[in-house]
Amino acid sequence: ISHPRQCPDCRGEGLLRKRDVAEACSRCHGGGIVRFGTTWRATKLKMKESSFNQRWAGPYDWLYNTLSDALQEAERDLQKAVRR
C-alpha cells in the first residue's frame, strides 16, 4: 500500500520529452511515481472500495500528503547542505 508505482506516462523519469524540450510530467508532477488507486488499496486490505473510501481514504490521503511534503523538504535540505 505504501509503495507507489512508476508513472506510465514518463516511465519513471519525471520528464516528458518533446523534440528538443523536456518538461515535467503532468501526471506525476515530475516525481516519476504515481499512487495506486483506491480500488487497488481496498483489494489489498480485503475490503470493499466503498468501505475503504468511507473509512480510510481521508486518513490515507492526509498521511500520504504529509509524508510527501516532509520528503520534499528533506530533499531540499540535503541539496542545500551538499552545496555548502
PDB file of N, CA and C in Angstrom:
ATOM      1  N   ILE A   1       0.827  -1.196   0.000  1.00  0.00           N
ATOM      2  CA  ILE A   1       0.000   0.000   0.000  1.00  0.00           C
ATOM      3  C   ILE A   1       0.864   1.249   0.000  1.00  0.00           C
ATOM      4  N   SER A   2       1.990   1.215   0.674  1.00  0.00           N
ATOM      5  CA  SER A   2       2.802   2.423   0.784  1.00  0.00           C
ATOM      6  C   SER A   2       3.683   2.669  -0.433  1.00  0.00           C
ATOM      7  N   HIS A   3       3.881   1.667  -1.276  1.00  0.00           N
ATOM      8  CA  HIS A   3       4.795   1.823  -2.401  1.00  0.00           C
ATOM      9  C   HIS A   3       4.049   2.270  -3.653  1.00  0.00           C
ATOM     10  N   PRO A   4       4.396   3.445  -4.175  1.00  0.00           N
ATOM     11  CA  PRO A   4       3.783   3.903  -5.414  1.00  0.00           C
ATOM     12  C   PRO A   4       4.357   3.135  -6.597  1.00  0.00           C
ATOM     13  N   ARG A   5       3.762   3.322  -7.733  1.00  0.00           N
ATOM     14  CA  ARG A   5       4.248   2.643  -8.933  1.00  0.00           C
ATOM     15  C   ARG A   5       4.858   3.657  -9.888  1.00  0.00           C
ATOM     16  N   GLN A   6       5.638   3.160 -10.786  1.00  0.00           N
ATOM     17  CA  GLN A   6       6.291   4.009 -11.774  1.00  0.00           C
ATOM     18  C   GLN A   6       5.232   4.667 -12.658  1.00  0.00           C
ATOM     19  N   CYS A   7       5.399   5.927 -12.932  1.00  0.00           N
ATOM     20  CA  CYS A   7       4.457   6.657 -13.781  1.00  0.00           C
ATOM     21  C   CYS A   7       4.482   6.065 -15.192  1.00  0.00           C
ATOM     22  N   PRO A   8       3.324   5.670 -15.704  1.00  0.00           N
ATOM     23  CA  PRO A   8       3.299   5.087 -17.042  1.00  0.00           C
ATOM     24  C   PRO A   8       3.520   6.115 -18.155  1.00  0.00           C
ATOM     25  N   ASP A   9       3.247   7.382 -17.893  1.00  0.00           N
ATOM     26  CA  ASP A   9       3.401   8.395 -18.942  1.00  0.00           C
ATOM     27  C   ASP A   9       4.861   8.723 -19.224  1.00  0.00           C
ATOM     28  N   CYS A  10       5.658   8.885 -18.157  1.00  0.00           N
ATOM     29  CA  CYS A  10       7.071   9.262 -18.342  1.00  0.00           C
ATOM     30  C   CYS A  10       8.021   8.098 -18.063  1.00  0.00           C
ATOM     31  N   ARG A  11       7.463   6.944 -17.731  1.00  0.00           N
ATOM     32  CA  ARG A  11       8.238   5.740 -17.422  1.00  0.00           C
ATOM     33  C   ARG A  11       9.207   5.959 -16.257  1.00  0.00           C
ATOM     34  N   GLY A  12       8.758   6.733 -15.275  1.00  0.00           N
ATOM     35  CA  GLY A  12       9.545   6.937 -14.076  1.00  0.00           C
ATOM     36  C   GLY A  12      10.618   8.006 -14.163  1.00  0.00           C
ATOM     37  N   GLU A  13      10.739   8.669 -15.297  1.00  0.00           N
ATOM     38  CA  GLU A  13      11.778   9.693 -15.455  1.00  0.00           C
ATOM     39  C   GLU A  13      11.361  11.043 -14.874  1.00  0.00           C
ATOM     40  N   GLY A  14      10.059  11.299 -14.797  1.00  0.00           N
ATOM     41  CA  GLY A  14       9.588  12.586 -14.304  1.00  0.00           C
ATOM     42  C   GLY A  14       9.541  13.660 -15.369  1.00  0.00           C
ATOM     43  N   LEU A  15      10.061  13.342 -16.541  1.00  0.00           N
ATOM     44  CA  LEU A  15      10.096  14.300 -17.641  1.00  0.00           C
ATOM     45  C   LEU A  15       9.470  13.706 -18.887  1.00  0.00           C
ATOM     46  N   LEU A  16       8.808  14.557 -19.637  1.00  0.00           N
ATOM     47  CA  LEU A  16       8.302  14.173 -20.953  1.00  0.00           C
ATOM     48  C   LEU A  16       9.111  14.948 -21.982  1.00  0.00           C
ATOM     49  N   ARG A  17       9.669  14.230 -22.918  1.00  0.00           N
ATOM     50  CA  ARG A  17      10.499  14.871 -23.931  1.00  0.00           C
ATOM     51  C   ARG A  17       9.675  15.083 -25.196  1.00  0.00           C
ATOM     52  N   LYS A  18       9.673  16.326 -25.642  1.00  0.00           N
ATOM     53  CA  LYS A  18       9.005  16.682 -26.890  1.00  0.00           C
ATOM     54  C   LYS A  18      10.023  17.392 -27.761  1.00  0.00           C
ATOM     55  N   ARG A  19      10.439  16.720 -28.787  1.00  0.00           N
ATOM     56  CA  ARG A  19      11.513  17.192 -29.667  1.00  0.00           C
ATOM     57  C   ARG A  19      12.761  17.460 -28.835  1.00  0.00           C
ATOM     58  N   ASP A  20      13.200  18.697 -28.757  1.00  0.00           N
ATOM     59  CA  ASP A  20      14.426  19.018 -28.002  1.00  0.00           C
ATOM     60  C   ASP A  20      14.122  19.586 -26.617  1.00  0.00           C
ATOM     61  N   VAL A  21      12.853  19.573 -26.219  1.00  0.00           N
ATOM     62  CA  VAL A  21      12.454  20.181 -24.948  1.00  0.00           C
ATOM     63  C   VAL A  21      11.956  19.100 -23.991  1.00  0.00           C
ATOM     64  N   ALA A  22      12.381  19.193 -22.744  1.00  0.00           N
ATOM     65  CA  ALA A  22      11.901  18.266 -21.712  1.00  0.00           C
ATOM     66  C   ALA A  22      11.090  19.071 -20.700  1.00  0.00           C
ATOM     67  N   GLU A  23       9.878  18.587 -20.392  1.00  0.00           N
ATOM     68  CA  GLU A  23       9.028  19.260 -19.411  1.00  0.00           C
ATOM     69  C   GLU A  23       8.659  18.269 -18.324  1.00  0.00           C
ATOM     70  N   ALA A  24       8.321  18.807 -17.152  1.00  0.00           N
ATOM     71  CA  ALA A  24       7.878  17.942 -16.057  1.00  0.00           C
ATOM     72  C   ALA A  24       6.599  17.226 -16.476  1.00  0.00           C
ATOM     73  N   CYS A  25       6.532  15.962 -16.161  1.00  0.00           N
ATOM     74  CA  CYS A  25       5.365  15.146 -16.487  1.00  0.00           C
ATOM     75  C   CYS A  25       4.149  15.675 -15.724  1.00  0.00           C
ATOM     76  N   SER A  26       3.048  15.851 -16.425  1.00  0.00           N
ATOM     77  CA  SER A  26       1.850  16.400 -15.783  1.00  0.00           C
ATOM     78  C   SER A  26       1.145  15.361 -14.902  1.00  0.00           C
ATOM     79  N   ARG A  27       1.344  14.096 -15.179  1.00  0.00           N
ATOM     80  CA  ARG A  27       0.674  13.063 -14.382  1.00  0.00           C
ATOM     81  C   ARG A  27       1.334  12.879 -13.016  1.00  0.00           C
ATOM     82  N   CYS A  28       2.655  12.823 -12.985  1.00  0.00           N
ATOM     83  CA  CYS A  28       3.370  12.589 -11.719  1.00  0.00           C
ATOM     84  C   CYS A  28       3.998  13.862 -11.165  1.00  0.00           C
ATOM     85  N   HIS A  29       3.832  14.984 -11.871  1.00  0.00           N
ATOM     86  CA  HIS A  29       4.379  16.286 -11.456  1.00  0.00           C
ATOM     87  C   HIS A  29       5.895  16.242 -11.302  1.00  0.00           C
ATOM     88  N   GLY A  30       6.543  15.450 -12.156  1.00  0.00           N
ATOM     89  CA  GLY A  30       7.995  15.397 -12.165  1.00  0.00           C
ATOM     90  C   GLY A  30       8.615  14.413 -11.186  1.00  0.00           C
ATOM     91  N   GLY A  31       7.777  13.718 -10.418  1.00  0.00           N
ATOM     92  CA  GLY A  31       8.303  12.789  -9.418  1.00  0.00           C
ATOM     93  C   GLY A  31       8.640  11.409  -9.948  1.00  0.00           C
ATOM     94  N   GLY A  32       8.066  11.044 -11.095  1.00  0.00           N
ATOM     95  CA  GLY A  32       8.341   9.739 -11.680  1.00  0.00           C
ATOM     96  C   GLY A  32       7.513   8.600 -11.117  1.00  0.00           C
ATOM     97  N   ILE A  33       6.705   8.894 -10.101  1.00  0.00           N
ATOM     98  CA  ILE A  33       5.871   7.850  -9.499  1.00  0.00           C
ATOM     99  C   ILE A  33       4.437   8.350  -9.336  1.00  0.00           C
ATOM    100  N   VAL A  34       3.507   7.429  -9.360  1.00  0.00           N
ATOM    101  CA  VAL A  34       2.101   7.738  -9.121  1.00  0.00           C
ATOM    102  C   VAL A  34       1.558   6.744  -8.103  1.00  0.00           C
ATOM    103  N   ARG A  35       0.534   7.148  -7.420  1.00  0.00           N
ATOM    104  CA  ARG A  35      -0.063   6.299  -6.400  1.00  0.00           C
ATOM    105  C   ARG A  35      -1.000   5.277  -7.042  1.00  0.00           C
ATOM    106  N   PHE A  36      -1.138   4.162  -6.374  1.00  0.00           N
ATOM    107  CA  PHE A  36      -2.152   3.199  -6.775  1.00  0.00           C
ATOM    108  C   PHE A  36      -3.504   3.783  -6.415  1.00  0.00           C
ATOM    109  N   GLY A  37      -4.535   3.379  -7.106  1.00  0.00           N
ATOM    110  CA  GLY A  37      -5.882   3.888  -6.864  1.00  0.00           C
ATOM    111  C   GLY A  37      -6.562   3.232  -5.676  1.00  0.00           C
ATOM    112  N   THR A  38      -7.735   3.743  -5.337  1.00  0.00           N
ATOM    113  CA  THR A  38      -8.471   3.236  -4.180  1.00  0.00           C
ATOM    114  C   THR A  38      -8.946   1.803  -4.381  1.00  0.00           C
ATOM    115  N   THR A  39      -9.251   1.425  -5.602  1.00  0.00           N
ATOM    116  CA  THR A  39      -9.680   0.044  -5.854  1.00  0.00           C
ATOM    117  C   THR A  39      -8.567  -0.924  -5.480  1.00  0.00           C
ATOM    118  N   TRP A  40      -7.354  -0.616  -5.902  1.00  0.00           N
ATOM    119  CA  TRP A  40      -6.201  -1.480  -5.603  1.00  0.00           C
ATOM    120  C   TRP A  40      -5.962  -1.549  -4.103  1.00  0.00           C
ATOM    121  N   ARG A  41      -5.984  -0.385  -3.422  1.00  0.00           N
ATOM    122  CA  ARG A  41      -5.728  -0.361  -1.982  1.00  0.00           C
ATOM    123  C   ARG A  41      -6.802  -1.141  -1.219  1.00  0.00           C
ATOM    124  N   ALA A  42      -8.059  -0.958  -1.592  1.00  0.00           N
ATOM    125  CA  ALA A  42      -9.151  -1.672  -0.916  1.00  0.00           C
ATOM    126  C   ALA A  42      -9.004  -3.173  -1.106  1.00  0.00           C
ATOM    127  N   THR A  43      -8.644  -3.605  -2.291  1.00  0.00           N
ATOM    128  CA  THR A  43      -8.450  -5.037  -2.555  1.00  0.00           C
ATOM    129  C   THR A  43      -7.327  -5.596  -1.690  1.00  0.00           C
ATOM    130  N   LYS A  44      -6.231  -4.868  -1.581  1.00  0.00           N
ATOM    131  CA  LYS A  44      -5.109  -5.324  -0.753  1.00  0.00           C
ATOM    132  C   LYS A  44      -5.489  -5.427   0.719  1.00  0.00           C
ATOM    133  N   LEU A  45      -6.412  -4.576   1.160  1.00  0.00           N
ATOM    134  CA  LEU A  45      -6.882  -4.618   2.546  1.00  0.00           C
ATOM    135  C   LEU A  45      -8.061  -5.570   2.728  1.00  0.00           C
ATOM    136  N   LYS A  46      -8.443  -6.232   1.639  1.00  0.00           N
ATOM    137  CA  LYS A  46      -9.551  -7.199   1.639  1.00  0.00           C
ATOM    138  C   LYS A  46     -10.853  -6.560   2.138  1.00  0.00           C
ATOM    139  N   MET A  47     -11.154  -5.400   1.540  1.00  0.00           N
ATOM    140  CA  MET A  47     -12.395  -4.722   1.883  1.00  0.00           C
ATOM    141  C   MET A  47     -12.999  -4.117   0.622  1.00  0.00           C
ATOM    142  N   LYS A  48     -14.251  -3.751   0.707  1.00  0.00           N
ATOM    143  CA  LYS A  48     -14.917  -3.123  -0.427  1.00  0.00           C
ATOM    144  C   LYS A  48     -14.372  -1.717  -0.610  1.00  0.00           C
ATOM    145  N   GLU A  49     -14.354  -1.297  -1.870  1.00  0.00           N
ATOM    146  CA  GLU A  49     -13.842   0.041  -2.160  1.00  0.00           C
ATOM    147  C   GLU A  49     -14.684   1.113  -1.463  1.00  0.00           C
ATOM    148  N   SER A  50     -15.987   0.924  -1.398  1.00  0.00           N
ATOM    149  CA  SER A  50     -16.847   1.917  -0.738  1.00  0.00           C
ATOM    150  C   SER A  50     -16.494   2.040   0.746  1.00  0.00           C
ATOM    151  N   SER A  51     -16.190   0.916   1.393  1.00  0.00           N
ATOM    152  CA  SER A  51     -15.783   0.958   2.800  1.00  0.00           C
ATOM    153  C   SER A  51     -14.440   1.646   2.957  1.00  0.00           C
ATOM    154  N   PHE A  52     -13.520   1.342   2.051  1.00  0.00           N
ATOM    155  CA  PHE A  52     -12.215   1.998   2.091  1.00  0.00           C
ATOM    156  C   PHE A  52     -12.377   3.509   1.948  1.00  0.00           C
ATOM    157  N   ASN A  53     -13.166   3.920   0.950  1.00  0.00           N
ATOM    158  CA  ASN A  53     -13.367   5.350   0.717  1.00  0.00           C
ATOM    159  C   ASN A  53     -14.012   6.037   1.914  1.00  0.00           C
ATOM    160  N   GLN A  54     -14.925   5.348   2.553  1.00  0.00           N
ATOM    161  CA  GLN A  54     -15.640   5.924   3.683  1.00  0.00           C
ATOM    162  C   GLN A  54     -14.756   6.037   4.928  1.00  0.00           C
ATOM    163  N   ARG A  55     -13.937   5.029   5.179  1.00  0.00           N
ATOM    164  CA  ARG A  55     -13.180   4.974   6.435  1.00  0.00           C
ATOM    165  C   ARG A  55     -11.713   5.347   6.322  1.00  0.00           C
ATOM    166  N   TRP A  56     -11.073   4.985   5.230  1.00  0.00           N
ATOM    167  CA  TRP A  56      -9.621   5.083   5.163  1.00  0.00           C
ATOM    168  C   TRP A  56      -9.080   6.094   4.164  1.00  0.00           C
ATOM    169  N   ALA A  57      -9.846   6.485   3.179  1.00  0.00           N
ATOM    170  CA  ALA A  57      -9.318   7.380   2.138  1.00  0.00           C
ATOM    171  C   ALA A  57      -8.843   8.714   2.712  1.00  0.00           C
ATOM    172  N   GLY A  58      -9.615   9.316   3.597  1.00  0.00           N
ATOM    173  CA  GLY A  58      -9.223  10.597   4.202  1.00  0.00           C
ATOM    174  C   GLY A  58      -7.932  10.505   4.996  1.00  0.00           C
ATOM    175  N   PRO A  59      -7.850   9.594   5.978  1.00  0.00           N
ATOM    176  CA  PRO A  59      -6.592   9.459   6.722  1.00  0.00           C
ATOM    177  C   PRO A  59      -5.412   9.057   5.832  1.00  0.00           C
ATOM    178  N   TYR A  60      -5.657   8.182   4.852  1.00  0.00           N
ATOM    179  CA  TYR A  60      -4.584   7.763   3.946  1.00  0.00           C
ATOM    180  C   TYR A  60      -4.050   8.965   3.172  1.00  0.00           C
ATOM    181  N   ASP A  61      -4.957   9.768   2.590  1.00  0.00           N
ATOM    182  CA  ASP A  61      -4.527  10.931   1.817  1.00  0.00           C
ATOM    183  C   ASP A  61      -3.781  11.927   2.691  1.00  0.00           C
ATOM    184  N   TRP A  62      -4.270  12.146   3.910  1.00  0.00           N
ATOM    185  CA  TRP A  62      -3.592  13.069   4.818  1.00  0.00           C
ATOM    186  C   TRP A  62      -2.167  12.586   5.107  1.00  0.00           C
ATOM    187  N   LEU A  63      -2.037  11.316   5.450  1.00  0.00           N
ATOM    188  CA  LEU A  63      -0.722  10.767   5.764  1.00  0.00           C
ATOM    189  C   LEU A  63       0.196  10.809   4.556  1.00  0.00           C
ATOM    190  N   TYR A  64      -0.315  10.414   3.407  1.00  0.00           N
ATOM    191  CA  TYR A  64       0.481  10.414   2.177  1.00  0.00           C
ATOM    192  C   TYR A  64       0.987  11.824   1.872  1.00  0.00           C
ATOM    193  N   ASN A  65       0.107  12.820   1.943  1.00  0.00           N
ATOM    194  CA  ASN A  65       0.491  14.197   1.648  1.00  0.00           C
ATOM    195  C   ASN A  65       1.478  14.737   2.672  1.00  0.00           C
ATOM    196  N   THR A  66       1.271  14.415   3.936  1.00  0.00           N
ATOM    197  CA  THR A  66       2.185  14.862   4.985  1.00  0.00           C
ATOM    198  C   THR A  66       3.579  14.287   4.773  1.00  0.00           C
ATOM    199  N   LEU A  67       3.644  12.999   4.468  1.00  0.00           N
ATOM    200  CA  LEU A  67       4.941  12.360   4.246  1.00  0.00           C
ATOM    201  C   LEU A  67       5.601  12.840   2.959  1.00  0.00           C
ATOM    202  N   SER A  68       4.817  13.081   1.923  1.00  0.00           N
ATOM    203  CA  SER A  68       5.370  13.606   0.668  1.00  0.00           C
ATOM    204  C   SER A  68       5.978  14.985   0.886  1.00  0.00           C
ATOM    205  N   ASP A  69       5.274  15.827   1.635  1.00  0.00           N
ATOM    206  CA  ASP A  69       5.800  17.161   1.932  1.00  0.00           C
ATOM    207  C   ASP A  69       7.095  17.069   2.736  1.00  0.00           C
ATOM    208  N   ALA A  70       7.130  16.177   3.716  1.00  0.00           N
ATOM    209  CA  ALA A  70       8.327  16.006   4.541  1.00  0.00           C
ATOM    210  C   ALA A  70       9.499  15.498   3.701  1.00  0.00           C
ATOM    211  N   LEU A  71       9.225  14.594   2.785  1.00  0.00           N
ATOM    212  CA  LEU A  71      10.281  14.077   1.914  1.00  0.00           C
ATOM    213  C   LEU A  71      10.838  15.174   1.024  1.00  0.00           C
ATOM    214  N   GLN A  72       9.961  15.989   0.453  1.00  0.00           N
ATOM    215  CA  GLN A  72      10.425  17.087  -0.397  1.00  0.00           C
ATOM    216  C   GLN A  72      11.266  18.082   0.406  1.00  0.00           C
ATOM    217  N   GLU A  73      10.843  18.373   1.619  1.00  0.00           N
ATOM    218  CA  GLU A  73      11.607  19.284   2.470  1.00  0.00           C
ATOM    219  C   GLU A  73      12.979  18.693   2.804  1.00  0.00           C
ATOM    220  N   ALA A  74      13.023  17.401   3.100  1.00  0.00           N
ATOM    221  CA  ALA A  74      14.296  16.745   3.403  1.00  0.00           C
ATOM    222  C   ALA A  74      15.216  16.758   2.185  1.00  0.00           C
ATOM    223  N   GLU A  75      14.658  16.562   0.997  1.00  0.00           N
ATOM    224  CA  GLU A  75      15.468  16.600  -0.221  1.00  0.00           C
ATOM    225  C   GLU A  75      16.044  17.993  -0.450  1.00  0.00           C
ATOM    226  N   ARG A  76      15.231  19.026  -0.216  1.00  0.00           N
ATOM    227  CA  ARG A  76      15.722  20.403  -0.363  1.00  0.00           C
ATOM    228  C   ARG A  76      16.829  20.695   0.653  1.00  0.00           C
ATOM    229  N   ASP A  77      16.621  20.262   1.891  1.00  0.00           N
ATOM    230  CA  ASP A  77      17.634  20.467   2.934  1.00  0.00           C
ATOM    231  C   ASP A  77      18.937  19.764   2.586  1.00  0.00           C
ATOM    232  N   LEU A  78      18.834  18.555   2.063  1.00  0.00           N
ATOM    233  CA  LEU A  78      20.041  17.817   1.669  1.00  0.00           C
ATOM    234  C   LEU A  78      20.766  18.511   0.532  1.00  0.00           C
ATOM    235  N   GLN A  79      20.022  18.984  -0.452  1.00  0.00           N
ATOM    236  CA  GLN A  79      20.643  19.701  -1.561  1.00  0.00           C
ATOM    237  C   GLN A  79      21.358  20.963  -1.086  1.00  0.00           C
ATOM    238  N   LYS A  80      20.741  21.683  -0.162  1.00  0.00           N
ATOM    239  CA  LYS A  80      21.376  22.881   0.391  1.00  0.00           C
ATOM    240  C   LYS A  80      22.653  22.513   1.147  1.00  0.00           C
ATOM    241  N   ALA A  81      22.608  21.445   1.919  1.00  0.00           N
ATOM    242  CA  ALA A  81      23.777  21.024   2.698  1.00  0.00           C
ATOM    243  C   ALA A  81      24.926  20.593   1.790  1.00  0.00           C
ATOM    244  N   VAL A  82      24.613  19.947   0.700  1.00  0.00           N
ATOM    245  CA  VAL A  82      25.648  19.453  -0.218  1.00  0.00           C
ATOM    246  C   VAL A  82      26.298  20.624  -0.955  1.00  0.00           C
ATOM    247  N   ARG A  83      25.549  21.657  -1.236  1.00  0.00           N
ATOM    248  CA  ARG A  83      26.076  22.821  -1.963  1.00  0.00           C
ATOM    249  C   ARG A  83      27.034  23.645  -1.130  1.00  0.00           C
ATOM    250  N   ARG A  84      26.953  23.556   0.170  1.00  0.00           N
ATOM    251  CA  ARG A  84      27.787  24.404   1.035  1.00  0.00           C
ATOM    252  C   ARG A  84      29.213  24.025   0.994  1.00  0.00           C
TER     253      ARG A  84
END
